[in-house]
N, C-alpha and C. Protein backbone atom coordinates (compact mmCIF):
# COMPACT_ATOMS: atom_id res chain seq x y z
N VAL A 1 -13.84 5.84 37.13
CA VAL A 1 -13.90 5.81 35.66
C VAL A 1 -13.92 7.23 35.10
N SER A 2 -14.72 8.10 35.77
CA SER A 2 -14.84 9.48 35.31
C SER A 2 -13.50 10.20 35.36
N GLU A 3 -12.76 10.02 36.44
CA GLU A 3 -11.46 10.68 36.59
C GLU A 3 -10.47 10.18 35.54
N SER A 4 -10.46 8.87 35.29
CA SER A 4 -9.57 8.29 34.28
C SER A 4 -9.89 8.83 32.90
N PHE A 5 -11.19 8.96 32.64
CA PHE A 5 -11.60 9.48 31.33
C PHE A 5 -11.07 10.90 31.12
N PHE A 6 -11.22 11.75 32.13
CA PHE A 6 -10.77 13.14 31.99
C PHE A 6 -9.27 13.22 31.87
N ARG A 7 -8.54 12.33 32.52
CA ARG A 7 -7.07 12.32 32.39
C ARG A 7 -6.68 12.00 30.95
N ILE A 8 -7.32 10.97 30.40
CA ILE A 8 -7.02 10.59 29.01
C ILE A 8 -7.41 11.71 28.06
N HIS A 9 -8.59 12.31 28.32
CA HIS A 9 -9.07 13.39 27.47
C HIS A 9 -8.08 14.57 27.49
N ASN A 10 -7.62 14.94 28.66
CA ASN A 10 -6.67 16.05 28.78
C ASN A 10 -5.33 15.72 28.13
N PHE A 11 -4.94 14.45 28.20
CA PHE A 11 -3.69 14.02 27.57
C PHE A 11 -3.76 14.24 26.06
N PHE A 12 -4.85 13.84 25.43
CA PHE A 12 -4.97 14.00 23.98
C PHE A 12 -5.11 15.47 23.59
N LEU A 13 -5.77 16.25 24.43
CA LEU A 13 -5.83 17.69 24.17
C LEU A 13 -4.45 18.32 24.21
N SER A 14 -3.63 17.90 25.17
CA SER A 14 -2.26 18.41 25.27
C SER A 14 -1.44 18.02 24.05
N CYS A 15 -1.60 16.78 23.61
CA CYS A 15 -0.87 16.32 22.42
C CYS A 15 -1.27 17.14 21.20
N THR A 16 -2.58 17.36 21.02
CA THR A 16 -3.06 18.13 19.88
C THR A 16 -2.53 19.56 19.92
N ALA A 17 -2.56 20.17 21.10
CA ALA A 17 -2.07 21.55 21.24
C ALA A 17 -0.59 21.63 20.92
N TRP A 18 0.18 20.66 21.38
CA TRP A 18 1.63 20.68 21.12
C TRP A 18 1.91 20.53 19.64
N LEU A 19 1.20 19.62 18.99
CA LEU A 19 1.43 19.39 17.57
C LEU A 19 1.09 20.63 16.75
N ARG A 20 0.01 21.31 17.12
CA ARG A 20 -0.39 22.51 16.38
C ARG A 20 0.58 23.67 16.61
N SER A 21 1.20 23.71 17.78
CA SER A 21 2.09 24.83 18.10
C SER A 21 3.53 24.57 17.71
N ASN A 22 3.85 23.36 17.29
CA ASN A 22 5.23 23.01 16.97
C ASN A 22 5.63 23.65 15.63
N PRO A 23 6.62 24.51 15.60
CA PRO A 23 7.00 25.18 14.36
C PRO A 23 7.53 24.23 13.31
N TYR A 24 8.10 23.12 13.74
CA TYR A 24 8.63 22.15 12.78
C TYR A 24 7.52 21.59 11.90
N LEU A 25 6.32 21.47 12.51
CA LEU A 25 5.21 20.88 11.78
C LEU A 25 4.35 21.91 11.06
N THR A 26 4.35 23.14 11.52
CA THR A 26 3.43 24.13 10.98
C THR A 26 4.06 25.17 10.08
N SER A 27 5.39 25.30 10.09
CA SER A 27 6.02 26.39 9.34
C SER A 27 6.73 25.90 8.09
N ARG A 28 6.29 24.75 7.54
CA ARG A 28 6.93 24.24 6.34
C ARG A 28 5.88 24.07 5.25
N PRO A 29 5.72 25.09 4.37
CA PRO A 29 4.66 25.05 3.37
C PRO A 29 4.82 23.93 2.36
N ASN A 30 6.03 23.44 2.12
CA ASN A 30 6.25 22.40 1.11
C ASN A 30 6.30 21.01 1.71
N ARG A 31 5.92 20.91 3.01
CA ARG A 31 6.05 19.62 3.67
C ARG A 31 5.21 18.55 2.98
N GLY A 32 3.96 18.90 2.59
CA GLY A 32 3.10 17.93 1.92
C GLY A 32 3.67 17.49 0.59
N ARG A 33 4.23 18.47 -0.15
CA ARG A 33 4.83 18.15 -1.44
C ARG A 33 6.03 17.23 -1.26
N ASN A 34 6.85 17.51 -0.24
CA ASN A 34 8.02 16.67 0.00
C ASN A 34 7.62 15.26 0.38
N LEU A 35 6.56 15.14 1.20
CA LEU A 35 6.09 13.81 1.58
C LEU A 35 5.57 13.06 0.37
N THR A 36 4.90 13.77 -0.57
CA THR A 36 4.40 13.12 -1.77
C THR A 36 5.54 12.60 -2.61
N ARG A 37 6.59 13.42 -2.77
CA ARG A 37 7.76 12.97 -3.54
C ARG A 37 8.42 11.79 -2.85
N SER A 38 8.50 11.85 -1.54
CA SER A 38 9.09 10.75 -0.79
C SER A 38 8.30 9.47 -0.97
N HIS A 39 6.95 9.61 -0.92
CA HIS A 39 6.09 8.43 -1.10
C HIS A 39 6.27 7.83 -2.49
N CYS A 40 6.37 8.69 -3.52
CA CYS A 40 6.56 8.20 -4.89
C CYS A 40 7.87 7.44 -5.02
N PHE A 41 8.92 7.99 -4.39
CA PHE A 41 10.22 7.32 -4.44
C PHE A 41 10.15 5.96 -3.74
N MET A 42 9.49 5.92 -2.57
CA MET A 42 9.37 4.66 -1.85
C MET A 42 8.54 3.66 -2.63
N LEU A 43 7.47 4.13 -3.29
CA LEU A 43 6.63 3.24 -4.08
C LEU A 43 7.43 2.60 -5.20
N GLN A 44 8.25 3.40 -5.87
CA GLN A 44 9.10 2.87 -6.94
C GLN A 44 10.04 1.79 -6.42
N GLN A 45 10.66 2.05 -5.27
CA GLN A 45 11.58 1.07 -4.70
C GLN A 45 10.85 -0.19 -4.25
N LYS A 46 9.66 -0.03 -3.72
CA LYS A 46 8.88 -1.19 -3.29
C LYS A 46 8.45 -2.04 -4.47
N ILE A 47 8.05 -1.39 -5.55
CA ILE A 47 7.66 -2.12 -6.76
C ILE A 47 8.84 -2.93 -7.29
N LEU A 48 10.02 -2.30 -7.33
CA LEU A 48 11.21 -3.01 -7.81
C LEU A 48 11.53 -4.21 -6.92
N ARG A 49 11.31 -4.05 -5.63
CA ARG A 49 11.57 -5.16 -4.70
C ARG A 49 10.60 -6.32 -4.94
N VAL A 50 9.34 -6.00 -5.16
CA VAL A 50 8.34 -7.04 -5.45
C VAL A 50 8.65 -7.71 -6.79
N GLN A 51 9.02 -6.91 -7.78
CA GLN A 51 9.33 -7.48 -9.10
C GLN A 51 10.56 -8.38 -9.06
N GLN A 52 11.50 -8.05 -8.23
CA GLN A 52 12.67 -8.91 -8.07
C GLN A 52 12.25 -10.27 -7.52
N GLN A 53 11.33 -10.25 -6.55
CA GLN A 53 10.83 -11.49 -5.99
C GLN A 53 10.02 -12.28 -7.02
N ILE A 54 9.30 -11.59 -7.87
CA ILE A 54 8.53 -12.25 -8.95
C ILE A 54 9.48 -13.00 -9.88
N ARG A 55 10.56 -12.34 -10.26
CA ARG A 55 11.51 -12.97 -11.18
C ARG A 55 12.24 -14.13 -10.51
N GLN A 56 12.56 -13.98 -9.24
CA GLN A 56 13.24 -15.06 -8.53
C GLN A 56 12.38 -16.32 -8.47
N GLN A 57 11.07 -16.15 -8.41
CA GLN A 57 10.16 -17.29 -8.37
C GLN A 57 9.76 -17.75 -9.78
N LYS A 58 10.42 -17.17 -10.80
CA LYS A 58 10.20 -17.53 -12.21
C LYS A 58 8.74 -17.35 -12.61
N LEU A 59 8.18 -16.22 -12.20
CA LEU A 59 6.81 -15.87 -12.55
C LEU A 59 6.81 -14.75 -13.57
N SER A 60 5.75 -14.65 -14.31
CA SER A 60 5.61 -13.57 -15.29
C SER A 60 5.00 -12.33 -14.66
N ALA A 61 4.19 -12.54 -13.63
CA ALA A 61 3.51 -11.40 -13.00
C ALA A 61 2.91 -11.86 -11.68
N LEU A 62 2.33 -10.90 -10.96
CA LEU A 62 1.67 -11.16 -9.68
C LEU A 62 0.35 -10.41 -9.67
N VAL A 63 -0.70 -11.06 -9.16
CA VAL A 63 -2.01 -10.43 -9.03
C VAL A 63 -2.33 -10.27 -7.55
N LEU A 64 -2.56 -9.02 -7.14
CA LEU A 64 -2.97 -8.70 -5.77
C LEU A 64 -4.34 -8.05 -5.80
N GLY A 65 -5.04 -8.08 -4.67
CA GLY A 65 -6.34 -7.42 -4.68
C GLY A 65 -6.96 -7.25 -3.32
N ASN A 66 -7.80 -6.23 -3.23
CA ASN A 66 -8.71 -6.05 -2.10
C ASN A 66 -10.11 -6.32 -2.64
N TYR A 67 -10.81 -7.23 -2.01
CA TYR A 67 -12.12 -7.62 -2.51
C TYR A 67 -13.18 -7.34 -1.44
N GLY A 68 -13.39 -6.04 -1.19
CA GLY A 68 -14.26 -5.63 -0.10
C GLY A 68 -13.44 -5.54 1.18
N PHE A 69 -13.98 -4.86 2.18
CA PHE A 69 -13.23 -4.64 3.41
C PHE A 69 -13.04 -5.91 4.22
N THR A 70 -13.75 -6.99 3.88
CA THR A 70 -13.58 -8.25 4.61
C THR A 70 -12.32 -8.98 4.18
N THR A 71 -11.82 -8.69 2.98
CA THR A 71 -10.62 -9.36 2.48
C THR A 71 -9.67 -8.31 1.91
N THR A 72 -8.62 -7.99 2.64
CA THR A 72 -7.63 -7.02 2.16
C THR A 72 -6.25 -7.66 2.13
N ASP A 73 -5.44 -7.20 1.21
CA ASP A 73 -4.10 -7.76 1.02
C ASP A 73 -3.06 -6.84 1.67
N ASP A 74 -2.31 -7.36 2.65
CA ASP A 74 -1.32 -6.54 3.34
C ASP A 74 -0.17 -6.13 2.43
N LEU A 75 0.14 -6.94 1.42
CA LEU A 75 1.21 -6.56 0.49
C LEU A 75 0.75 -5.39 -0.39
N LEU A 76 -0.52 -5.37 -0.75
CA LEU A 76 -1.04 -4.26 -1.53
C LEU A 76 -1.04 -2.98 -0.68
N TYR A 77 -1.38 -3.11 0.59
CA TYR A 77 -1.31 -1.94 1.49
C TYR A 77 0.13 -1.46 1.63
N TYR A 78 1.08 -2.39 1.70
CA TYR A 78 2.50 -2.04 1.79
C TYR A 78 2.92 -1.17 0.60
N LEU A 79 2.37 -1.46 -0.57
CA LEU A 79 2.71 -0.68 -1.76
C LEU A 79 1.98 0.66 -1.80
N LEU A 80 0.68 0.65 -1.54
CA LEU A 80 -0.14 1.84 -1.73
C LEU A 80 -0.19 2.75 -0.50
N LEU A 81 0.07 2.18 0.68
CA LEU A 81 -0.10 2.89 1.95
C LEU A 81 -1.54 3.38 2.12
N ARG A 82 -2.46 2.63 1.60
CA ARG A 82 -3.88 2.88 1.73
C ARG A 82 -4.63 1.58 1.41
N THR A 83 -5.91 1.55 1.75
CA THR A 83 -6.68 0.34 1.55
C THR A 83 -7.92 0.65 0.71
N PRO A 84 -7.82 0.61 -0.61
CA PRO A 84 -9.02 0.79 -1.43
C PRO A 84 -10.04 -0.31 -1.12
N GLU A 85 -11.30 0.07 -1.17
CA GLU A 85 -12.34 -0.90 -0.83
C GLU A 85 -12.32 -2.09 -1.77
N TYR A 86 -12.17 -1.82 -3.07
CA TYR A 86 -12.14 -2.89 -4.06
C TYR A 86 -11.11 -2.52 -5.11
N ALA A 87 -10.07 -3.33 -5.25
CA ALA A 87 -9.00 -3.01 -6.19
C ALA A 87 -8.28 -4.29 -6.60
N VAL A 88 -7.79 -4.29 -7.84
CA VAL A 88 -7.01 -5.40 -8.36
C VAL A 88 -5.74 -4.83 -8.98
N CYS A 89 -4.60 -5.37 -8.59
CA CYS A 89 -3.31 -4.85 -9.07
C CYS A 89 -2.58 -5.95 -9.83
N PHE A 90 -2.21 -5.66 -11.07
CA PHE A 90 -1.44 -6.59 -11.89
C PHE A 90 -0.01 -6.06 -11.97
N ILE A 91 0.93 -6.81 -11.38
CA ILE A 91 2.33 -6.39 -11.33
C ILE A 91 3.16 -7.30 -12.23
N PRO A 92 3.64 -6.81 -13.38
CA PRO A 92 4.48 -7.63 -14.24
C PRO A 92 5.88 -7.77 -13.67
N ALA A 93 6.62 -8.73 -14.19
CA ALA A 93 7.99 -8.93 -13.72
C ALA A 93 8.87 -7.71 -14.00
N ARG A 94 8.53 -6.98 -15.03
CA ARG A 94 9.22 -5.73 -15.36
C ARG A 94 8.19 -4.74 -15.90
N GLY A 95 8.41 -3.47 -15.64
CA GLY A 95 7.49 -2.45 -16.15
C GLY A 95 6.51 -1.96 -15.09
N ARG A 96 5.65 -1.03 -15.52
CA ARG A 96 4.71 -0.40 -14.59
C ARG A 96 3.54 -1.33 -14.28
N PRO A 97 3.19 -1.42 -13.00
CA PRO A 97 2.00 -2.19 -12.62
C PRO A 97 0.73 -1.44 -13.04
N THR A 98 -0.36 -2.18 -13.14
CA THR A 98 -1.66 -1.59 -13.43
C THR A 98 -2.59 -1.84 -12.26
N LEU A 99 -3.19 -0.76 -11.77
CA LEU A 99 -4.11 -0.86 -10.64
C LEU A 99 -5.52 -0.53 -11.11
N TYR A 100 -6.43 -1.47 -10.90
CA TYR A 100 -7.84 -1.25 -11.21
C TYR A 100 -8.57 -0.97 -9.90
N ALA A 101 -9.38 0.10 -9.91
CA ALA A 101 -10.09 0.48 -8.69
C ALA A 101 -11.48 0.98 -9.04
N ILE A 102 -12.30 1.17 -8.02
CA ILE A 102 -13.63 1.73 -8.22
C ILE A 102 -13.50 3.11 -8.84
N SER A 103 -14.40 3.44 -9.76
CA SER A 103 -14.26 4.65 -10.57
C SER A 103 -14.11 5.92 -9.76
N PHE A 104 -14.85 6.08 -8.67
CA PHE A 104 -14.75 7.33 -7.91
C PHE A 104 -13.44 7.44 -7.13
N GLU A 105 -12.68 6.34 -7.01
CA GLU A 105 -11.39 6.39 -6.32
C GLU A 105 -10.23 6.62 -7.27
N THR A 106 -10.43 6.39 -8.56
CA THR A 106 -9.32 6.45 -9.51
C THR A 106 -8.68 7.84 -9.66
N PRO A 107 -9.44 8.96 -9.64
CA PRO A 107 -8.76 10.26 -9.78
C PRO A 107 -7.73 10.53 -8.69
N GLU A 108 -8.08 10.24 -7.45
CA GLU A 108 -7.14 10.46 -6.34
C GLU A 108 -5.96 9.50 -6.43
N LEU A 109 -6.23 8.25 -6.82
CA LEU A 109 -5.15 7.27 -6.94
C LEU A 109 -4.19 7.64 -8.06
N GLU A 110 -4.69 8.21 -9.14
CA GLU A 110 -3.83 8.63 -10.23
C GLU A 110 -2.86 9.72 -9.78
N LYS A 111 -3.33 10.62 -8.92
CA LYS A 111 -2.49 11.70 -8.43
C LYS A 111 -1.39 11.20 -7.50
N THR A 112 -1.74 10.26 -6.65
CA THR A 112 -0.81 9.82 -5.60
C THR A 112 0.04 8.62 -6.01
N LEU A 113 -0.29 7.96 -7.12
CA LEU A 113 0.45 6.76 -7.54
C LEU A 113 0.94 6.90 -8.98
N PRO A 114 1.86 7.85 -9.24
CA PRO A 114 2.33 8.04 -10.62
C PRO A 114 3.13 6.87 -11.16
N GLU A 115 3.63 6.01 -10.28
CA GLU A 115 4.42 4.86 -10.73
C GLU A 115 3.54 3.72 -11.22
N MET A 116 2.21 3.89 -11.12
CA MET A 116 1.28 2.86 -11.55
C MET A 116 0.34 3.40 -12.63
N ILE A 117 -0.14 2.52 -13.47
CA ILE A 117 -1.21 2.84 -14.39
C ILE A 117 -2.52 2.57 -13.66
N VAL A 118 -3.32 3.59 -13.47
CA VAL A 118 -4.56 3.45 -12.70
C VAL A 118 -5.75 3.51 -13.66
N LYS A 119 -6.62 2.50 -13.56
CA LYS A 119 -7.80 2.43 -14.42
C LYS A 119 -9.02 2.04 -13.59
N PRO A 120 -10.21 2.45 -14.03
CA PRO A 120 -11.42 2.04 -13.31
C PRO A 120 -11.79 0.60 -13.62
N ILE A 121 -12.43 -0.04 -12.68
CA ILE A 121 -12.92 -1.41 -12.89
C ILE A 121 -14.19 -1.35 -13.74
N THR A 122 -14.11 -1.88 -14.94
CA THR A 122 -15.27 -1.88 -15.84
C THR A 122 -15.68 -3.28 -16.28
N LYS A 123 -14.87 -4.28 -15.91
CA LYS A 123 -15.16 -5.66 -16.31
C LYS A 123 -14.95 -6.58 -15.12
N SER A 124 -15.16 -7.86 -15.33
CA SER A 124 -14.89 -8.84 -14.28
C SER A 124 -13.39 -8.96 -14.06
N ILE A 125 -12.99 -9.51 -12.94
CA ILE A 125 -11.57 -9.64 -12.61
C ILE A 125 -10.85 -10.47 -13.66
N SER A 126 -11.47 -11.56 -14.08
CA SER A 126 -10.83 -12.44 -15.07
C SER A 126 -10.60 -11.70 -16.38
N GLU A 127 -11.56 -10.86 -16.80
CA GLU A 127 -11.40 -10.10 -18.04
C GLU A 127 -10.29 -9.07 -17.92
N LEU A 128 -10.20 -8.43 -16.77
CA LEU A 128 -9.16 -7.42 -16.56
C LEU A 128 -7.78 -8.05 -16.62
N VAL A 129 -7.61 -9.16 -15.92
CA VAL A 129 -6.30 -9.82 -15.88
C VAL A 129 -5.94 -10.40 -17.24
N LYS A 130 -6.94 -10.95 -17.92
CA LYS A 130 -6.68 -11.58 -19.21
C LYS A 130 -6.11 -10.60 -20.23
N ASN A 131 -6.46 -9.33 -20.10
CA ASN A 131 -5.95 -8.32 -21.04
C ASN A 131 -4.43 -8.17 -20.97
N HIS A 132 -3.82 -8.59 -19.86
CA HIS A 132 -2.37 -8.43 -19.68
C HIS A 132 -1.59 -9.69 -20.07
N ILE A 133 -2.28 -10.73 -20.46
CA ILE A 133 -1.61 -12.02 -20.73
C ILE A 133 -1.73 -12.33 -22.21
N SER A 134 -0.59 -12.41 -22.88
CA SER A 134 -0.59 -12.65 -24.33
C SER A 134 -0.21 -14.07 -24.69
N SER A 135 0.43 -14.79 -23.80
CA SER A 135 0.85 -16.17 -24.11
C SER A 135 0.85 -16.96 -22.81
N ARG A 136 1.29 -18.20 -22.89
CA ARG A 136 1.33 -19.03 -21.68
C ARG A 136 2.22 -18.36 -20.64
N ALA A 137 1.68 -18.26 -19.45
CA ALA A 137 2.41 -17.54 -18.42
C ALA A 137 2.16 -18.18 -17.06
N SER A 138 3.14 -17.99 -16.17
CA SER A 138 3.00 -18.41 -14.78
C SER A 138 2.77 -17.16 -13.95
N ILE A 139 1.60 -17.06 -13.36
CA ILE A 139 1.21 -15.87 -12.62
C ILE A 139 1.11 -16.20 -11.13
N GLY A 140 1.67 -15.34 -10.31
CA GLY A 140 1.62 -15.54 -8.88
C GLY A 140 0.33 -14.99 -8.28
N VAL A 141 -0.15 -15.64 -7.23
CA VAL A 141 -1.35 -15.20 -6.53
C VAL A 141 -1.19 -15.54 -5.06
N ARG A 142 -1.74 -14.71 -4.20
CA ARG A 142 -1.69 -14.96 -2.75
C ARG A 142 -3.03 -15.57 -2.35
N TYR A 143 -3.05 -16.87 -2.22
CA TYR A 143 -4.30 -17.58 -1.95
C TYR A 143 -4.90 -17.18 -0.61
N ARG A 144 -4.05 -16.82 0.33
CA ARG A 144 -4.54 -16.47 1.68
C ARG A 144 -5.42 -15.24 1.66
N THR A 145 -5.17 -14.32 0.74
CA THR A 145 -5.93 -13.08 0.69
C THR A 145 -6.84 -13.00 -0.54
N THR A 146 -6.98 -14.10 -1.25
CA THR A 146 -7.83 -14.14 -2.45
C THR A 146 -9.03 -15.03 -2.18
N PRO A 147 -10.25 -14.50 -2.16
CA PRO A 147 -11.44 -15.31 -1.90
C PRO A 147 -11.61 -16.44 -2.91
N ILE A 148 -12.29 -17.48 -2.50
CA ILE A 148 -12.51 -18.65 -3.35
C ILE A 148 -13.18 -18.26 -4.66
N GLU A 149 -14.19 -17.39 -4.60
CA GLU A 149 -14.91 -17.02 -5.82
C GLU A 149 -14.01 -16.28 -6.81
N VAL A 150 -13.03 -15.51 -6.29
CA VAL A 150 -12.08 -14.83 -7.17
C VAL A 150 -11.11 -15.84 -7.75
N GLN A 151 -10.66 -16.79 -6.95
CA GLN A 151 -9.78 -17.84 -7.46
C GLN A 151 -10.45 -18.61 -8.59
N GLU A 152 -11.73 -18.88 -8.44
CA GLU A 152 -12.46 -19.62 -9.48
C GLU A 152 -12.52 -18.82 -10.78
N GLN A 153 -12.67 -17.50 -10.65
CA GLN A 153 -12.66 -16.66 -11.85
C GLN A 153 -11.31 -16.70 -12.55
N LEU A 154 -10.25 -16.61 -11.76
CA LEU A 154 -8.90 -16.61 -12.33
C LEU A 154 -8.58 -17.93 -13.02
N LEU A 155 -9.05 -19.03 -12.45
CA LEU A 155 -8.77 -20.34 -13.03
C LEU A 155 -9.41 -20.52 -14.40
N LYS A 156 -10.40 -19.70 -14.72
CA LYS A 156 -11.07 -19.81 -16.02
C LYS A 156 -10.28 -19.15 -17.15
N ILE A 157 -9.25 -18.38 -16.78
CA ILE A 157 -8.43 -17.72 -17.81
C ILE A 157 -7.57 -18.77 -18.50
N PRO A 158 -7.65 -18.89 -19.82
CA PRO A 158 -6.84 -19.89 -20.53
C PRO A 158 -5.37 -19.51 -20.59
N ARG A 159 -4.53 -20.50 -20.79
CA ARG A 159 -3.09 -20.34 -21.00
C ARG A 159 -2.37 -19.76 -19.79
N VAL A 160 -2.90 -19.98 -18.60
CA VAL A 160 -2.27 -19.43 -17.40
C VAL A 160 -2.06 -20.54 -16.38
N ARG A 161 -0.86 -20.56 -15.80
CA ARG A 161 -0.57 -21.46 -14.68
C ARG A 161 -0.45 -20.59 -13.43
N TRP A 162 -1.36 -20.81 -12.49
CA TRP A 162 -1.37 -20.03 -11.26
C TRP A 162 -0.51 -20.69 -10.20
N LYS A 163 0.36 -19.90 -9.60
CA LYS A 163 1.27 -20.42 -8.59
C LYS A 163 1.21 -19.56 -7.33
N LYS A 164 1.44 -20.19 -6.20
CA LYS A 164 1.43 -19.47 -4.93
C LYS A 164 2.64 -18.54 -4.85
N PHE A 165 2.36 -17.28 -4.57
CA PHE A 165 3.44 -16.30 -4.41
C PHE A 165 3.89 -16.29 -2.95
N SER A 166 5.17 -16.44 -2.73
CA SER A 166 5.72 -16.47 -1.38
C SER A 166 6.74 -15.35 -1.21
N GLY A 167 7.11 -15.09 0.02
CA GLY A 167 8.13 -14.08 0.29
C GLY A 167 7.60 -12.70 0.57
N ALA A 168 6.27 -12.55 0.64
CA ALA A 168 5.70 -11.22 0.89
C ALA A 168 6.11 -10.69 2.26
N GLU A 169 6.10 -11.56 3.26
CA GLU A 169 6.47 -11.13 4.62
C GLU A 169 7.91 -10.64 4.66
N GLN A 170 8.78 -11.30 3.92
CA GLN A 170 10.19 -10.88 3.88
C GLN A 170 10.33 -9.50 3.22
N ILE A 171 9.56 -9.28 2.16
CA ILE A 171 9.59 -7.98 1.47
C ILE A 171 9.16 -6.87 2.41
N MET A 172 8.06 -7.10 3.13
CA MET A 172 7.50 -6.06 3.97
C MET A 172 8.30 -5.81 5.24
N SER A 173 9.04 -6.82 5.69
CA SER A 173 9.75 -6.69 6.96
C SER A 173 11.03 -5.85 6.85
N ILE A 174 11.62 -5.79 5.67
CA ILE A 174 12.86 -5.04 5.47
C ILE A 174 12.52 -3.61 5.07
N LYS A 175 12.81 -2.66 5.94
CA LYS A 175 12.46 -1.27 5.70
C LYS A 175 13.44 -0.60 4.75
N LEU A 176 12.89 0.20 3.85
CA LEU A 176 13.73 0.99 2.96
C LEU A 176 14.41 2.11 3.75
N PRO A 177 15.55 2.62 3.28
CA PRO A 177 16.21 3.74 3.97
C PRO A 177 15.28 4.92 4.18
N GLU A 178 14.43 5.22 3.19
CA GLU A 178 13.49 6.33 3.33
C GLU A 178 12.46 6.06 4.42
N GLU A 179 12.02 4.80 4.51
CA GLU A 179 11.09 4.43 5.58
C GLU A 179 11.74 4.57 6.94
N GLN A 180 13.00 4.19 7.04
CA GLN A 180 13.72 4.32 8.30
C GLN A 180 13.80 5.77 8.74
N LYS A 181 14.00 6.69 7.77
CA LYS A 181 14.06 8.11 8.09
C LYS A 181 12.73 8.59 8.67
N HIS A 182 11.63 8.15 8.06
CA HIS A 182 10.31 8.56 8.54
C HIS A 182 10.03 7.98 9.93
N LEU A 183 10.46 6.75 10.17
CA LEU A 183 10.26 6.15 11.49
C LEU A 183 11.04 6.90 12.56
N LEU A 184 12.29 7.25 12.24
CA LEU A 184 13.11 8.00 13.19
C LEU A 184 12.51 9.38 13.45
N ARG A 185 11.99 10.01 12.41
CA ARG A 185 11.37 11.33 12.57
C ARG A 185 10.12 11.23 13.44
N ALA A 186 9.33 10.17 13.22
CA ALA A 186 8.12 9.98 14.03
C ALA A 186 8.48 9.73 15.50
N CYS A 187 9.54 8.95 15.72
CA CYS A 187 9.99 8.70 17.10
C CYS A 187 10.46 9.99 17.77
N ALA A 188 11.17 10.82 17.01
CA ALA A 188 11.67 12.08 17.56
C ALA A 188 10.52 13.00 17.94
N ILE A 189 9.50 13.05 17.08
CA ILE A 189 8.32 13.88 17.40
C ILE A 189 7.62 13.35 18.63
N GLY A 190 7.50 12.01 18.71
CA GLY A 190 6.86 11.40 19.88
C GLY A 190 7.63 11.70 21.16
N ASP A 191 8.96 11.65 21.08
CA ASP A 191 9.79 11.97 22.26
C ASP A 191 9.56 13.41 22.71
N LYS A 192 9.47 14.34 21.74
CA LYS A 192 9.27 15.75 22.09
C LYS A 192 7.90 15.97 22.73
N VAL A 193 6.89 15.26 22.20
CA VAL A 193 5.53 15.39 22.75
C VAL A 193 5.52 14.95 24.21
N PHE A 194 6.06 13.78 24.49
CA PHE A 194 6.04 13.26 25.85
C PHE A 194 6.93 14.07 26.80
N ALA A 195 8.06 14.55 26.27
CA ALA A 195 8.92 15.41 27.10
C ALA A 195 8.20 16.69 27.49
N GLU A 196 7.47 17.27 26.54
CA GLU A 196 6.71 18.49 26.81
C GLU A 196 5.61 18.23 27.85
N LEU A 197 4.96 17.08 27.73
CA LEU A 197 3.88 16.77 28.67
C LEU A 197 4.40 16.49 30.07
N VAL A 198 5.56 15.83 30.13
CA VAL A 198 6.15 15.53 31.46
C VAL A 198 6.53 16.82 32.17
N VAL A 199 7.07 17.78 31.42
CA VAL A 199 7.45 19.06 32.02
C VAL A 199 6.23 19.78 32.57
N ARG A 200 5.12 19.70 31.83
CA ARG A 200 3.90 20.34 32.29
C ARG A 200 3.33 19.65 33.54
């Protein structure tokens, strides 16, 4: 066991050393900025893809949410590329989505998610969602990732017909061209790491 542990330990040390010494990763001062722009572009494309699915299902909007770390929505993670502890996202069929999050998380989310309107959670979920509904509407919800107590809150909102939102798996399974580029780049870096280690 001791020998295996040291082998694994040395392997990770070698990986870390290679990554730090790789000029491709260390000599690009604008790399973080480029990744941020890339993420914003991908977020915009992902939102449009979700909104297309909303319209196809003849819905007015979609409500997604993370309600503590015990219940997280994979479609929300697909959009944000992060998992806020507690967040509610209202995505209309057209226009900018609104993301409600815990107050101390909102400043960072505002910086990284310019395609969304980010606001702190100051009211109950039903009150937050109700602010976006002006007339009778059909709103999509993912029952699998929405706790019963949250569903009960949503059902109390008048003039709303709640419908099961489907097709999330299809949306997430089809990679955007920009995502494909990042996957290929990650594979190339992985190949270089292992090639370097094999030579050693």
